[in-house]
Amino acid sequence: MANANKTLLCIASALALAACASDEHRQVAELSRAHTLVEQAQQAGAQQYAGADLEAANNKLLVADNKKTDEEVALRMATEASLDAQVALQRTRAAKAELALAQVNAGSDTLRDETTRPQTP
């Protein structure tokens, strides 16, 4: 019976250690993901087109990176930073697409005006 209890205790300890390692791995992975997404948003020009979302992502990332932050809070902040960065990136892409569309429409209008203008000999 004593051996069975020791075995169960060893198994429980191993599972607890694996869970801790898994949580730590998840936190590191989410922090890395958040840093990557924030960097992508910055490089895409989010400061100009989605500044508030980018700022929120950066602020949450600072909290997540802080060594004094509780692990659970750090994971949540890293996750939220990732989401904010994704929003910033998508808003930036949408704004750039709208600008490109406006330029195409302006070019089409100019071309239409040129083709419908009476020719002078």
PDB file of N, CA and C in Angstrom:
ATOM      1  N   MET A   1       0.814  -1.184   0.000  1.00  0.00           N
ATOM      2  CA  MET A   1       0.000   0.000   0.000  1.00  0.00           C
ATOM      3  C   MET A   1       0.862   1.252   0.000  1.00  0.00           C
ATOM      4  N   ALA A   2       1.949   1.227   0.731  1.00  0.00           N
ATOM      5  CA  ALA A   2       2.844   2.383   0.810  1.00  0.00           C
ATOM      6  C   ALA A   2       3.457   2.673  -0.557  1.00  0.00           C
ATOM      7  N   ASN A   3       3.815   1.601  -1.294  1.00  0.00           N
ATOM      8  CA  ASN A   3       4.378   1.776  -2.626  1.00  0.00           C
ATOM      9  C   ASN A   3       3.350   2.391  -3.580  1.00  0.00           C
ATOM     10  N   ALA A   4       2.100   2.006  -3.444  1.00  0.00           N
ATOM     11  CA  ALA A   4       1.047   2.547  -4.296  1.00  0.00           C
ATOM     12  C   ALA A   4       0.859   4.038  -4.018  1.00  0.00           C
ATOM     13  N   ASN A   5       0.918   4.412  -2.744  1.00  0.00           N
ATOM     14  CA  ASN A   5       0.793   5.831  -2.394  1.00  0.00           C
ATOM     15  C   ASN A   5       1.966   6.638  -2.929  1.00  0.00           C
ATOM     16  N   LYS A   6       3.169   6.065  -2.846  1.00  0.00           N
ATOM     17  CA  LYS A   6       4.349   6.752  -3.370  1.00  0.00           C
ATOM     18  C   LYS A   6       4.242   6.922  -4.879  1.00  0.00           C
ATOM     19  N   THR A   7       3.754   5.876  -5.536  1.00  0.00           N
ATOM     20  CA  THR A   7       3.599   5.935  -6.986  1.00  0.00           C
ATOM     21  C   THR A   7       2.586   7.009  -7.372  1.00  0.00           C
ATOM     22  N   LEU A   8       1.454   7.030  -6.664  1.00  0.00           N
ATOM     23  CA  LEU A   8       0.441   8.049  -6.941  1.00  0.00           C
ATOM     24  C   LEU A   8       0.981   9.450  -6.678  1.00  0.00           C
ATOM     25  N   LEU A   9       1.763   9.582  -5.605  1.00  0.00           N
ATOM     26  CA  LEU A   9       2.353  10.874  -5.285  1.00  0.00           C
ATOM     27  C   LEU A   9       3.334  11.301  -6.373  1.00  0.00           C
ATOM     28  N   CYS A  10       4.130  10.377  -6.870  1.00  0.00           N
ATOM     29  CA  CYS A  10       5.076  10.677  -7.950  1.00  0.00           C
ATOM     30  C   CYS A  10       4.343  11.076  -9.230  1.00  0.00           C
ATOM     31  N   ILE A  11       3.278  10.359  -9.539  1.00  0.00           N
ATOM     32  CA  ILE A  11       2.507  10.677 -10.740  1.00  0.00           C
ATOM     33  C   ILE A  11       1.869  12.051 -10.602  1.00  0.00           C
ATOM     34  N   ALA A  12       1.296  12.344  -9.438  1.00  0.00           N
ATOM     35  CA  ALA A  12       0.670  13.650  -9.214  1.00  0.00           C
ATOM     36  C   ALA A  12       1.703  14.760  -9.304  1.00  0.00           C
ATOM     37  N   SER A  13       2.883  14.531  -8.755  1.00  0.00           N
ATOM     38  CA  SER A  13       3.951  15.534  -8.820  1.00  0.00           C
ATOM     39  C   SER A  13       4.395  15.765 -10.258  1.00  0.00           C
ATOM     40  N   ALA A  14       4.531  14.696 -11.009  1.00  0.00           N
ATOM     41  CA  ALA A  14       4.947  14.815 -12.402  1.00  0.00           C
ATOM     42  C   ALA A  14       3.905  15.575 -13.215  1.00  0.00           C
ATOM     43  N   LEU A  15       2.630  15.300 -12.977  1.00  0.00           N
ATOM     44  CA  LEU A  15       1.568  16.010 -13.681  1.00  0.00           C
ATOM     45  C   LEU A  15       1.551  17.495 -13.306  1.00  0.00           C
ATOM     46  N   ALA A  16       1.771  17.788 -12.042  1.00  0.00           N
ATOM     47  CA  ALA A  16       1.801  19.186 -11.600  1.00  0.00           C
ATOM     48  C   ALA A  16       2.967  19.924 -12.247  1.00  0.00           C
ATOM     49  N   LEU A  17       4.120  19.293 -12.312  1.00  0.00           N
ATOM     50  CA  LEU A  17       5.285  19.910 -12.953  1.00  0.00           C
ATOM     51  C   LEU A  17       5.038  20.118 -14.445  1.00  0.00           C
ATOM     52  N   ALA A  18       4.415  19.152 -15.075  1.00  0.00           N
ATOM     53  CA  ALA A  18       4.118  19.281 -16.500  1.00  0.00           C
ATOM     54  C   ALA A  18       3.141  20.424 -16.746  1.00  0.00           C
ATOM     55  N   ALA A  19       2.164  20.564 -15.864  1.00  0.00           N
ATOM     56  CA  ALA A  19       1.198  21.659 -16.022  1.00  0.00           C
ATOM     57  C   ALA A  19       1.880  23.004 -15.853  1.00  0.00           C
ATOM     58  N   CYS A  20       2.786  23.116 -14.894  1.00  0.00           N
ATOM     59  CA  CYS A  20       3.512  24.374 -14.695  1.00  0.00           C
ATOM     60  C   CYS A  20       4.374  24.698 -15.907  1.00  0.00           C
ATOM     61  N   ALA A  21       5.051  23.682 -16.406  1.00  0.00           N
ATOM     62  CA  ALA A  21       5.901  23.895 -17.581  1.00  0.00           C
ATOM     63  C   ALA A  21       5.046  24.290 -18.775  1.00  0.00           C
ATOM     64  N   SER A  22       3.876  23.692 -18.893  1.00  0.00           N
ATOM     65  CA  SER A  22       2.979  24.006 -19.995  1.00  0.00           C
ATOM     66  C   SER A  22       2.485  25.447 -19.893  1.00  0.00           C
ATOM     67  N   ASP A  23       2.112  25.887 -18.684  1.00  0.00           N
ATOM     68  CA  ASP A  23       1.667  27.265 -18.485  1.00  0.00           C
ATOM     69  C   ASP A  23       2.788  28.246 -18.781  1.00  0.00           C
ATOM     70  N   GLU A  24       3.992  27.920 -18.340  1.00  0.00           N
ATOM     71  CA  GLU A  24       5.133  28.803 -18.602  1.00  0.00           C
ATOM     72  C   GLU A  24       5.415  28.869 -20.093  1.00  0.00           C
ATOM     73  N   HIS A  25       5.360  27.727 -20.760  1.00  0.00           N
ATOM     74  CA  HIS A  25       5.577  27.686 -22.202  1.00  0.00           C
ATOM     75  C   HIS A  25       4.510  28.513 -22.923  1.00  0.00           C
ATOM     76  N   ARG A  26       3.273  28.395 -22.466  1.00  0.00           N
ATOM     77  CA  ARG A  26       2.168  29.146 -23.073  1.00  0.00           C
ATOM     78  C   ARG A  26       2.373  30.651 -22.901  1.00  0.00           C
ATOM     79  N   GLN A  27       2.831  31.052 -21.716  1.00  0.00           N
ATOM     80  CA  GLN A  27       3.071  32.469 -21.454  1.00  0.00           C
ATOM     81  C   GLN A  27       4.191  33.003 -22.342  1.00  0.00           C
ATOM     82  N   VAL A  28       5.266  32.267 -22.464  1.00  0.00           N
ATOM     83  CA  VAL A  28       6.390  32.683 -23.308  1.00  0.00           C
ATOM     84  C   VAL A  28       5.944  32.758 -24.765  1.00  0.00           C
ATOM     85  N   ALA A  29       5.174  31.780 -25.202  1.00  0.00           N
ATOM     86  CA  ALA A  29       4.690  31.764 -26.584  1.00  0.00           C
ATOM     87  C   ALA A  29       3.763  32.953 -26.847  1.00  0.00           C
ATOM     88  N   GLU A  30       2.886  33.255 -25.912  1.00  0.00           N
ATOM     89  CA  GLU A  30       1.950  34.368 -26.110  1.00  0.00           C
ATOM     90  C   GLU A  30       2.675  35.704 -26.081  1.00  0.00           C
ATOM     91  N   LEU A  31       3.681  35.837 -25.224  1.00  0.00           N
ATOM     92  CA  LEU A  31       4.488  37.063 -25.201  1.00  0.00           C
ATOM     93  C   LEU A  31       5.215  37.251 -26.528  1.00  0.00           C
ATOM     94  N   SER A  32       5.782  36.186 -27.027  1.00  0.00           N
ATOM     95  CA  SER A  32       6.484  36.248 -28.306  1.00  0.00           C
ATOM     96  C   SER A  32       5.527  36.628 -29.427  1.00  0.00           C
ATOM     97  N   ARG A  33       4.351  36.031 -29.408  1.00  0.00           N
ATOM     98  CA  ARG A  33       3.328  36.327 -30.424  1.00  0.00           C
ATOM     99  C   ARG A  33       2.919  37.795 -30.341  1.00  0.00           C
ATOM    100  N   ALA A  34       2.714  38.292 -29.134  1.00  0.00           N
ATOM    101  CA  ALA A  34       2.298  39.682 -28.948  1.00  0.00           C
ATOM    102  C   ALA A  34       3.369  40.641 -29.459  1.00  0.00           C
ATOM    103  N   HIS A  35       4.625  40.356 -29.143  1.00  0.00           N
ATOM    104  CA  HIS A  35       5.721  41.210 -29.621  1.00  0.00           C
ATOM    105  C   HIS A  35       5.754  41.235 -31.144  1.00  0.00           C
ATOM    106  N   THR A  36       5.591  40.074 -31.760  1.00  0.00           N
ATOM    107  CA  THR A  36       5.612  39.977 -33.217  1.00  0.00           C
ATOM    108  C   THR A  36       4.466  40.767 -33.835  1.00  0.00           C
ATOM    109  N   LEU A  37       3.265  40.614 -33.285  1.00  0.00           N
ATOM    110  CA  LEU A  37       2.109  41.314 -33.840  1.00  0.00           C
ATOM    111  C   LEU A  37       2.214  42.826 -33.656  1.00  0.00           C
ATOM    112  N   VAL A  38       2.705  43.262 -32.509  1.00  0.00           N
ATOM    113  CA  VAL A  38       2.882  44.704 -32.281  1.00  0.00           C
ATOM    114  C   VAL A  38       3.903  45.258 -33.273  1.00  0.00           C
ATOM    115  N   GLU A  39       4.973  44.522 -33.482  1.00  0.00           N
ATOM    116  CA  GLU A  39       6.000  44.961 -34.442  1.00  0.00           C
ATOM    117  C   GLU A  39       5.429  45.028 -35.860  1.00  0.00           C
ATOM    118  N   GLN A  40       4.636  44.029 -36.235  1.00  0.00           N
ATOM    119  CA  GLN A  40       4.018  44.035 -37.559  1.00  0.00           C
ATOM    120  C   GLN A  40       3.092  45.234 -37.723  1.00  0.00           C
ATOM    121  N   ALA A  41       2.315  45.522 -36.693  1.00  0.00           N
ATOM    122  CA  ALA A  41       1.398  46.663 -36.752  1.00  0.00           C
ATOM    123  C   ALA A  41       2.173  47.968 -36.885  1.00  0.00           C
ATOM    124  N   GLN A  42       3.263  48.083 -36.140  1.00  0.00           N
ATOM    125  CA  GLN A  42       4.084  49.297 -36.228  1.00  0.00           C
ATOM    126  C   GLN A  42       4.675  49.450 -37.624  1.00  0.00           C
ATOM    127  N   GLN A  43       5.195  48.366 -38.181  1.00  0.00           N
ATOM    128  CA  GLN A  43       5.806  48.417 -39.504  1.00  0.00           C
ATOM    129  C   GLN A  43       4.771  48.705 -40.591  1.00  0.00           C
ATOM    130  N   ALA A  44       3.526  48.316 -40.347  1.00  0.00           N
ATOM    131  CA  ALA A  44       2.466  48.554 -41.329  1.00  0.00           C
ATOM    132  C   ALA A  44       1.964  49.998 -41.307  1.00  0.00           C
ATOM    133  N   GLY A  45       2.360  50.751 -40.279  1.00  0.00           N
ATOM    134  CA  GLY A  45       1.931  52.138 -40.190  1.00  0.00           C
ATOM    135  C   GLY A  45       0.751  52.356 -39.270  1.00  0.00           C
ATOM    136  N   ALA A  46       0.545  51.461 -38.323  1.00  0.00           N
ATOM    137  CA  ALA A  46      -0.604  51.559 -37.420  1.00  0.00           C
ATOM    138  C   ALA A  46      -0.585  52.830 -36.579  1.00  0.00           C
ATOM    139  N   GLN A  47       0.580  53.385 -36.347  1.00  0.00           N
ATOM    140  CA  GLN A  47       0.648  54.622 -35.568  1.00  0.00           C
ATOM    141  C   GLN A  47      -0.176  55.719 -36.244  1.00  0.00           C
ATOM    142  N   GLN A  48      -0.149  55.737 -37.564  1.00  0.00           N
ATOM    143  CA  GLN A  48      -0.884  56.746 -38.318  1.00  0.00           C
ATOM    144  C   GLN A  48      -2.367  56.422 -38.437  1.00  0.00           C
ATOM    145  N   TYR A  49      -2.686  55.150 -38.634  1.00  0.00           N
ATOM    146  CA  TYR A  49      -4.055  54.767 -38.954  1.00  0.00           C
ATOM    147  C   TYR A  49      -4.851  54.180 -37.788  1.00  0.00           C
ATOM    148  N   ALA A  50      -4.172  53.637 -36.795  1.00  0.00           N
ATOM    149  CA  ALA A  50      -4.845  52.996 -35.654  1.00  0.00           C
ATOM    150  C   ALA A  50      -4.018  53.213 -34.390  1.00  0.00           C
ATOM    151  N   GLY A  51      -3.683  54.467 -34.150  1.00  0.00           N
ATOM    152  CA  GLY A  51      -2.794  54.814 -33.047  1.00  0.00           C
ATOM    153  C   GLY A  51      -3.286  54.378 -31.676  1.00  0.00           C
ATOM    154  N   ALA A  52      -4.587  54.521 -31.414  1.00  0.00           N
ATOM    155  CA  ALA A  52      -5.124  54.148 -30.099  1.00  0.00           C
ATOM    156  C   ALA A  52      -5.008  52.643 -29.865  1.00  0.00           C
ATOM    157  N   ASP A  53      -5.285  51.851 -30.890  1.00  0.00           N
ATOM    158  CA  ASP A  53      -5.182  50.394 -30.757  1.00  0.00           C
ATOM    159  C   ASP A  53      -3.724  49.973 -30.552  1.00  0.00           C
ATOM    160  N   LEU A  54      -2.833  50.599 -31.286  1.00  0.00           N
ATOM    161  CA  LEU A  54      -1.417  50.282 -31.153  1.00  0.00           C
ATOM    162  C   LEU A  54      -0.909  50.678 -29.771  1.00  0.00           C
ATOM    163  N   GLU A  55      -1.332  51.828 -29.286  1.00  0.00           N
ATOM    164  CA  GLU A  55      -0.917  52.272 -27.957  1.00  0.00           C
ATOM    165  C   GLU A  55      -1.430  51.316 -26.878  1.00  0.00           C
ATOM    166  N   ALA A  56      -2.673  50.874 -27.014  1.00  0.00           N
ATOM    167  CA  ALA A  56      -3.233  49.913 -26.060  1.00  0.00           C
ATOM    168  C   ALA A  56      -2.427  48.617 -26.071  1.00  0.00           C
ATOM    169  N   ALA A  57      -2.072  48.148 -27.258  1.00  0.00           N
ATOM    170  CA  ALA A  57      -1.275  46.925 -27.366  1.00  0.00           C
ATOM    171  C   ALA A  57       0.087  47.103 -26.701  1.00  0.00           C
ATOM    172  N   ASN A  58       0.726  48.232 -26.962  1.00  0.00           N
ATOM    173  CA  ASN A  58       2.035  48.492 -26.353  1.00  0.00           C
ATOM    174  C   ASN A  58       1.948  48.574 -24.835  1.00  0.00           C
ATOM    175  N   ASN A  59       0.917  49.242 -24.313  1.00  0.00           N
ATOM    176  CA  ASN A  59       0.756  49.357 -22.865  1.00  0.00           C
ATOM    177  C   ASN A  59       0.531  48.003 -22.204  1.00  0.00           C
ATOM    178  N   LYS A  60      -0.290  47.182 -22.816  1.00  0.00           N
ATOM    179  CA  LYS A  60      -0.549  45.850 -22.267  1.00  0.00           C
ATOM    180  C   LYS A  60       0.691  44.976 -22.363  1.00  0.00           C
ATOM    181  N   LEU A  61       1.460  45.163 -23.407  1.00  0.00           N
ATOM    182  CA  LEU A  61       2.689  44.402 -23.564  1.00  0.00           C
ATOM    183  C   LEU A  61       3.715  44.784 -22.492  1.00  0.00           C
ATOM    184  N   LEU A  62       3.763  46.056 -22.147  1.00  0.00           N
ATOM    185  CA  LEU A  62       4.647  46.497 -21.064  1.00  0.00           C
ATOM    186  C   LEU A  62       4.280  45.828 -19.747  1.00  0.00           C
ATOM    187  N   VAL A  63       2.999  45.735 -19.467  1.00  0.00           N
ATOM    188  CA  VAL A  63       2.549  45.065 -18.240  1.00  0.00           C
ATOM    189  C   VAL A  63       2.913  43.580 -18.297  1.00  0.00           C
ATOM    190  N   ALA A  64       2.674  42.959 -19.434  1.00  0.00           N
ATOM    191  CA  ALA A  64       2.966  41.523 -19.579  1.00  0.00           C
ATOM    192  C   ALA A  64       4.455  41.238 -19.456  1.00  0.00           C
ATOM    193  N   ASP A  65       5.288  42.150 -19.936  1.00  0.00           N
ATOM    194  CA  ASP A  65       6.739  41.957 -19.879  1.00  0.00           C
ATOM    195  C   ASP A  65       7.328  42.216 -18.491  1.00  0.00           C
ATOM    196  N   ASN A  66       6.595  42.957 -17.673  1.00  0.00           N
ATOM    197  CA  ASN A  66       7.094  43.318 -16.352  1.00  0.00           C
ATOM    198  C   ASN A  66       7.263  42.058 -15.495  1.00  0.00           C
ATOM    199  N   LYS A  67       8.460  41.855 -14.975  1.00  0.00           N
ATOM    200  CA  LYS A  67       8.757  40.660 -14.174  1.00  0.00           C
ATOM    201  C   LYS A  67       7.963  40.629 -12.868  1.00  0.00           C
ATOM    202  N   LYS A  68       7.455  41.776 -12.431  1.00  0.00           N
ATOM    203  CA  LYS A  68       6.691  41.841 -11.184  1.00  0.00           C
ATOM    204  C   LYS A  68       5.225  41.476 -11.392  1.00  0.00           C
ATOM    205  N   THR A  69       4.801  41.351 -12.654  1.00  0.00           N
ATOM    206  CA  THR A  69       3.403  41.035 -12.956  1.00  0.00           C
ATOM    207  C   THR A  69       3.137  39.561 -12.668  1.00  0.00           C
ATOM    208  N   ASP A  70       2.020  39.304 -12.030  1.00  0.00           N
ATOM    209  CA  ASP A  70       1.570  37.936 -11.767  1.00  0.00           C
ATOM    210  C   ASP A  70       1.490  37.170 -13.090  1.00  0.00           C
ATOM    211  N   GLU A  71       1.831  35.887 -13.068  1.00  0.00           N
ATOM    212  CA  GLU A  71       1.879  35.090 -14.302  1.00  0.00           C
ATOM    213  C   GLU A  71       0.537  35.047 -15.027  1.00  0.00           C
ATOM    214  N   GLU A  72      -0.545  34.901 -14.276  1.00  0.00           N
ATOM    215  CA  GLU A  72      -1.874  34.835 -14.895  1.00  0.00           C
ATOM    216  C   GLU A  72      -2.233  36.179 -15.547  1.00  0.00           C
ATOM    217  N   VAL A  73      -1.917  37.250 -14.850  1.00  0.00           N
ATOM    218  CA  VAL A  73      -2.176  38.582 -15.391  1.00  0.00           C
ATOM    219  C   VAL A  73      -1.300  38.835 -16.617  1.00  0.00           C
ATOM    220  N   ALA A  74      -0.041  38.406 -16.539  1.00  0.00           N
ATOM    221  CA  ALA A  74       0.880  38.588 -17.661  1.00  0.00           C
ATOM    222  C   ALA A  74       0.378  37.855 -18.904  1.00  0.00           C
ATOM    223  N   LEU A  75      -0.119  36.649 -18.702  1.00  0.00           N
ATOM    224  CA  LEU A  75      -0.652  35.881 -19.838  1.00  0.00           C
ATOM    225  C   LEU A  75      -1.872  36.589 -20.425  1.00  0.00           C
ATOM    226  N   ARG A  76      -2.758  37.072 -19.574  1.00  0.00           N
ATOM    227  CA  ARG A  76      -3.949  37.775 -20.055  1.00  0.00           C
ATOM    228  C   ARG A  76      -3.568  39.062 -20.790  1.00  0.00           C
ATOM    229  N   MET A  77      -2.612  39.796 -20.243  1.00  0.00           N
ATOM    230  CA  MET A  77      -2.185  41.047 -20.885  1.00  0.00           C
ATOM    231  C   MET A  77      -1.505  40.773 -22.227  1.00  0.00           C
ATOM    232  N   ALA A  78      -0.721  39.711 -22.296  1.00  0.00           N
ATOM    233  CA  ALA A  78      -0.073  39.351 -23.561  1.00  0.00           C
ATOM    234  C   ALA A  78      -1.116  38.969 -24.604  1.00  0.00           C
ATOM    235  N   THR A  79      -2.129  38.234 -24.175  1.00  0.00           N
ATOM    236  CA  THR A  79      -3.208  37.843 -25.084  1.00  0.00           C
ATOM    237  C   THR A  79      -3.963  39.075 -25.575  1.00  0.00           C
ATOM    238  N   GLU A  80      -4.283  39.979 -24.649  1.00  0.00           N
ATOM    239  CA  GLU A  80      -4.984  41.201 -25.034  1.00  0.00           C
ATOM    240  C   GLU A  80      -4.123  42.087 -25.932  1.00  0.00           C
ATOM    241  N   ALA A  81      -2.833  42.129 -25.663  1.00  0.00           N
ATOM    242  CA  ALA A  81      -1.925  42.906 -26.517  1.00  0.00           C
ATOM    243  C   ALA A  81      -1.926  42.330 -27.933  1.00  0.00           C
ATOM    244  N   SER A  82      -1.925  41.022 -28.044  1.00  0.00           N
ATOM    245  CA  SER A  82      -1.987  40.383 -29.366  1.00  0.00           C
ATOM    246  C   SER A  82      -3.260  40.781 -30.100  1.00  0.00           C
ATOM    247  N   LEU A  83      -4.374  40.735 -29.399  1.00  0.00           N
ATOM    248  CA  LEU A  83      -5.649  41.089 -30.019  1.00  0.00           C
ATOM    249  C   LEU A  83      -5.690  42.557 -30.421  1.00  0.00           C
ATOM    250  N   ASP A  84      -5.202  43.439 -29.545  1.00  0.00           N
ATOM    251  CA  ASP A  84      -5.167  44.867 -29.883  1.00  0.00           C
ATOM    252  C   ASP A  84      -4.269  45.123 -31.094  1.00  0.00           C
ATOM    253  N   ALA A  85      -3.150  44.434 -31.154  1.00  0.00           N
ATOM    254  CA  ALA A  85      -2.240  44.601 -32.285  1.00  0.00           C
ATOM    255  C   ALA A  85      -2.893  44.100 -33.574  1.00  0.00           C
ATOM    256  N   GLN A  86      -3.641  43.011 -33.484  1.00  0.00           N
ATOM    257  CA  GLN A  86      -4.341  42.506 -34.666  1.00  0.00           C
ATOM    258  C   GLN A  86      -5.392  43.504 -35.135  1.00  0.00           C
ATOM    259  N   VAL A  87      -6.103  44.108 -34.203  1.00  0.00           N
ATOM    260  CA  VAL A  87      -7.104  45.123 -34.557  1.00  0.00           C
ATOM    261  C   VAL A  87      -6.407  46.304 -35.235  1.00  0.00           C
ATOM    262  N   ALA A  88      -5.294  46.746 -34.648  1.00  0.00           N
ATOM    263  CA  ALA A  88      -4.539  47.867 -35.225  1.00  0.00           C
ATOM    264  C   ALA A  88      -4.078  47.530 -36.638  1.00  0.00           C
ATOM    265  N   LEU A  89      -3.593  46.326 -36.823  1.00  0.00           N
ATOM    266  CA  LEU A  89      -3.110  45.899 -38.137  1.00  0.00           C
ATOM    267  C   LEU A  89      -4.251  45.863 -39.154  1.00  0.00           C
ATOM    268  N   GLN A  90      -5.389  45.341 -38.763  1.00  0.00           N
ATOM    269  CA  GLN A  90      -6.525  45.253 -39.685  1.00  0.00           C
ATOM    270  C   GLN A  90      -7.085  46.641 -40.005  1.00  0.00           C
ATOM    271  N   ARG A  91      -7.152  47.511 -39.014  1.00  0.00           N
ATOM    272  CA  ARG A  91      -7.625  48.877 -39.281  1.00  0.00           C
ATOM    273  C   ARG A  91      -6.664  49.615 -40.210  1.00  0.00           C
ATOM    274  N   THR A  92      -5.388  49.376 -40.018  1.00  0.00           N
ATOM    275  CA  THR A  92      -4.388  50.002 -40.882  1.00  0.00           C
ATOM    276  C   THR A  92      -4.546  49.501 -42.309  1.00  0.00           C
ATOM    277  N   ARG A  93      -4.697  48.206 -42.467  1.00  0.00           N
ATOM    278  CA  ARG A  93      -4.884  47.641 -43.805  1.00  0.00           C
ATOM    279  C   ARG A  93      -6.156  48.176 -44.461  1.00  0.00           C
ATOM    280  N   ALA A  94      -7.226  48.289 -43.680  1.00  0.00           N
ATOM    281  CA  ALA A  94      -8.484  48.816 -44.225  1.00  0.00           C
ATOM    282  C   ALA A  94      -8.332  50.278 -44.653  1.00  0.00           C
ATOM    283  N   ALA A  95      -7.650  51.069 -43.832  1.00  0.00           N
ATOM    284  CA  ALA A  95      -7.454  52.486 -44.173  1.00  0.00           C
ATOM    285  C   ALA A  95      -6.609  52.622 -45.433  1.00  0.00           C
ATOM    286  N   LYS A  96      -5.574  51.814 -45.547  1.00  0.00           N
ATOM    287  CA  LYS A  96      -4.726  51.861 -46.738  1.00  0.00           C
ATOM    288  C   LYS A  96      -5.499  51.402 -47.974  1.00  0.00           C
ATOM    289  N   ALA A  97      -6.361  50.423 -47.813  1.00  0.00           N
ATOM    290  CA  ALA A  97      -7.172  49.952 -48.938  1.00  0.00           C
ATOM    291  C   ALA A  97      -8.147  51.044 -49.383  1.00  0.00           C
ATOM    292  N   GLU A  98      -8.723  51.751 -48.414  1.00  0.00           N
ATOM    293  CA  GLU A  98      -9.624  52.856 -48.760  1.00  0.00           C
ATOM    294  C   GLU A  98      -8.878  53.956 -49.503  1.00  0.00           C
ATOM    295  N   LEU A  99      -7.665  54.261 -49.077  1.00  0.00           N
ATOM    296  CA  LEU A  99      -6.865  55.271 -49.777  1.00  0.00           C
ATOM    297  C   LEU A  99      -6.536  54.821 -51.196  1.00  0.00           C
ATOM    298  N   ALA A 100      -6.169  53.567 -51.348  1.00  0.00           N
ATOM    299  CA  ALA A 100      -5.856  53.045 -52.678  1.00  0.00           C
ATOM    300  C   ALA A 100      -7.090  53.093 -53.579  1.00  0.00           C
ATOM    301  N   LEU A 101      -8.232  52.753 -53.023  1.00  0.00           N
ATOM    302  CA  LEU A 101      -9.471  52.811 -53.796  1.00  0.00           C
ATOM    303  C   LEU A 101      -9.782  54.248 -54.217  1.00  0.00           C
ATOM    304  N   ALA A 102      -9.588  55.185 -53.308  1.00  0.00           N
ATOM    305  CA  ALA A 102      -9.827  56.596 -53.637  1.00  0.00           C
ATOM    306  C   ALA A 102      -8.901  57.046 -54.764  1.00  0.00           C
ATOM    307  N   GLN A 103      -7.657  56.582 -54.746  1.00  0.00           N
ATOM    308  CA  GLN A 103      -6.713  56.939 -55.811  1.00  0.00           C
ATOM    309  C   GLN A 103      -7.127  56.328 -57.140  1.00  0.00           C
ATOM    310  N   VAL A 104      -7.564  55.088 -57.108  1.00  0.00           N
ATOM    311  CA  VAL A 104      -8.029  54.438 -58.344  1.00  0.00           C
ATOM    312  C   VAL A 104      -9.253  55.167 -58.876  1.00  0.00           C
ATOM    313  N   ASN A 105     -10.176  55.503 -58.006  1.00  0.00           N
ATOM    314  CA  ASN A 105     -11.382  56.229 -58.440  1.00  0.00           C
ATOM    315  C   ASN A 105     -11.022  57.597 -59.017  1.00  0.00           C
ATOM    316  N   ALA A 106     -10.084  58.281 -58.397  1.00  0.00           N
ATOM    317  CA  ALA A 106      -9.651  59.585 -58.912  1.00  0.00           C
ATOM    318  C   ALA A 106      -9.010  59.423 -60.284  1.00  0.00           C
ATOM    319  N   GLY A 107      -8.208  58.394 -60.464  1.00  0.00           N
ATOM    320  CA  GLY A 107      -7.598  58.121 -61.762  1.00  0.00           C
ATOM    321  C   GLY A 107      -8.641  57.790 -62.805  1.00  0.00           C
ATOM    322  N   SER A 108      -9.654  57.022 -62.414  1.00  0.00           N
ATOM    323  CA  SER A 108     -10.739  56.683 -63.346  1.00  0.00           C
ATOM    324  C   SER A 108     -11.516  57.931 -63.740  1.00  0.00           C
ATOM    325  N   ASP A 109     -11.777  58.803 -62.773  1.00  0.00           N
ATOM    326  CA  ASP A 109     -12.487  60.055 -63.067  1.00  0.00           C
ATOM    327  C   ASP A 109     -11.688  60.913 -64.045  1.00  0.00           C
ATOM    328  N   THR A 110     -10.387  60.999 -63.817  1.00  0.00           N
ATOM    329  CA  THR A 110      -9.533  61.785 -64.708  1.00  0.00           C
ATOM    330  C   THR A 110      -9.549  61.196 -66.112  1.00  0.00           C
ATOM    331  N   LEU A 111      -9.439  59.902 -66.207  1.00  0.00           N
ATOM    332  CA  LEU A 111      -9.463  59.231 -67.510  1.00  0.00           C
ATOM    333  C   LEU A 111     -10.806  59.443 -68.200  1.00  0.00           C
ATOM    334  N   ARG A 112     -11.890  59.335 -67.457  1.00  0.00           N
ATOM    335  CA  ARG A 112     -13.226  59.547 -68.019  1.00  0.00           C
ATOM    336  C   ARG A 112     -13.351  60.982 -68.532  1.00  0.00           C
ATOM    337  N   ASP A 113     -12.864  61.941 -67.741  1.00  0.00           N
ATOM    338  CA  ASP A 113     -12.919  63.342 -68.162  1.00  0.00           C
ATOM    339  C   ASP A 113     -12.115  63.559 -69.438  1.00  0.00           C
ATOM    340  N   GLU A 114     -10.972  62.932 -69.524  1.00  0.00           N
ATOM    341  CA  GLU A 114     -10.112  63.089 -70.703  1.00  0.00           C
ATOM    342  C   GLU A 114     -10.764  62.486 -71.941  1.00  0.00           C
ATOM    343  N   THR A 115     -11.428  61.357 -71.779  1.00  0.00           N
ATOM    344  CA  THR A 115     -12.022  60.708 -72.948  1.00  0.00           C
ATOM    345  C   THR A 115     -13.318  61.349 -73.383  1.00  0.00           C
ATOM    346  N   THR A 116     -13.986  62.045 -72.499  1.00  0.00           N
ATOM    347  CA  THR A 116     -15.261  62.678 -72.869  1.00  0.00           C
ATOM    348  C   THR A 116     -15.098  64.146 -73.226  1.00  0.00           C
ATOM    349  N   ARG A 117     -13.937  64.715 -73.040  1.00  0.00           N
ATOM    350  CA  ARG A 117     -13.687  66.115 -73.380  1.00  0.00           C
ATOM    351  C   ARG A 117     -13.626  66.261 -74.892  1.00  0.00           C
ATOM    352  N   PRO A 118     -14.260  67.274 -75.399  1.00  0.00           N
ATOM    353  CA  PRO A 118     -14.227  67.462 -76.865  1.00  0.00           C
ATOM    354  C   PRO A 118     -12.791  67.676 -77.347  1.00  0.00           C
ATOM    355  N   GLN A 119     -12.489  67.062 -78.449  1.00  0.00           N
ATOM    356  CA  GLN A 119     -11.170  67.183 -79.050  1.00  0.00           C
ATOM    357  C   GLN A 119     -11.061  68.533 -79.771  1.00  0.00           C
ATOM    358  N   THR A 120      -9.974  69.203 -79.606  1.00  0.00           N
ATOM    359  CA  THR A 120      -9.748  70.464 -80.340  1.00  0.00           C
ATOM    360  C   THR A 120      -8.739  70.199 -81.456  1.00  0.00           C
ATOM    361  N   PRO A 121      -9.058  70.639 -82.670  1.00  0.00           N
ATOM    362  CA  PRO A 121      -8.153  70.356 -83.816  1.00  0.00           C
ATOM    363  C   PRO A 121      -6.915  71.194 -83.807  1.00  0.00           C
TER     364      PRO A 121
END
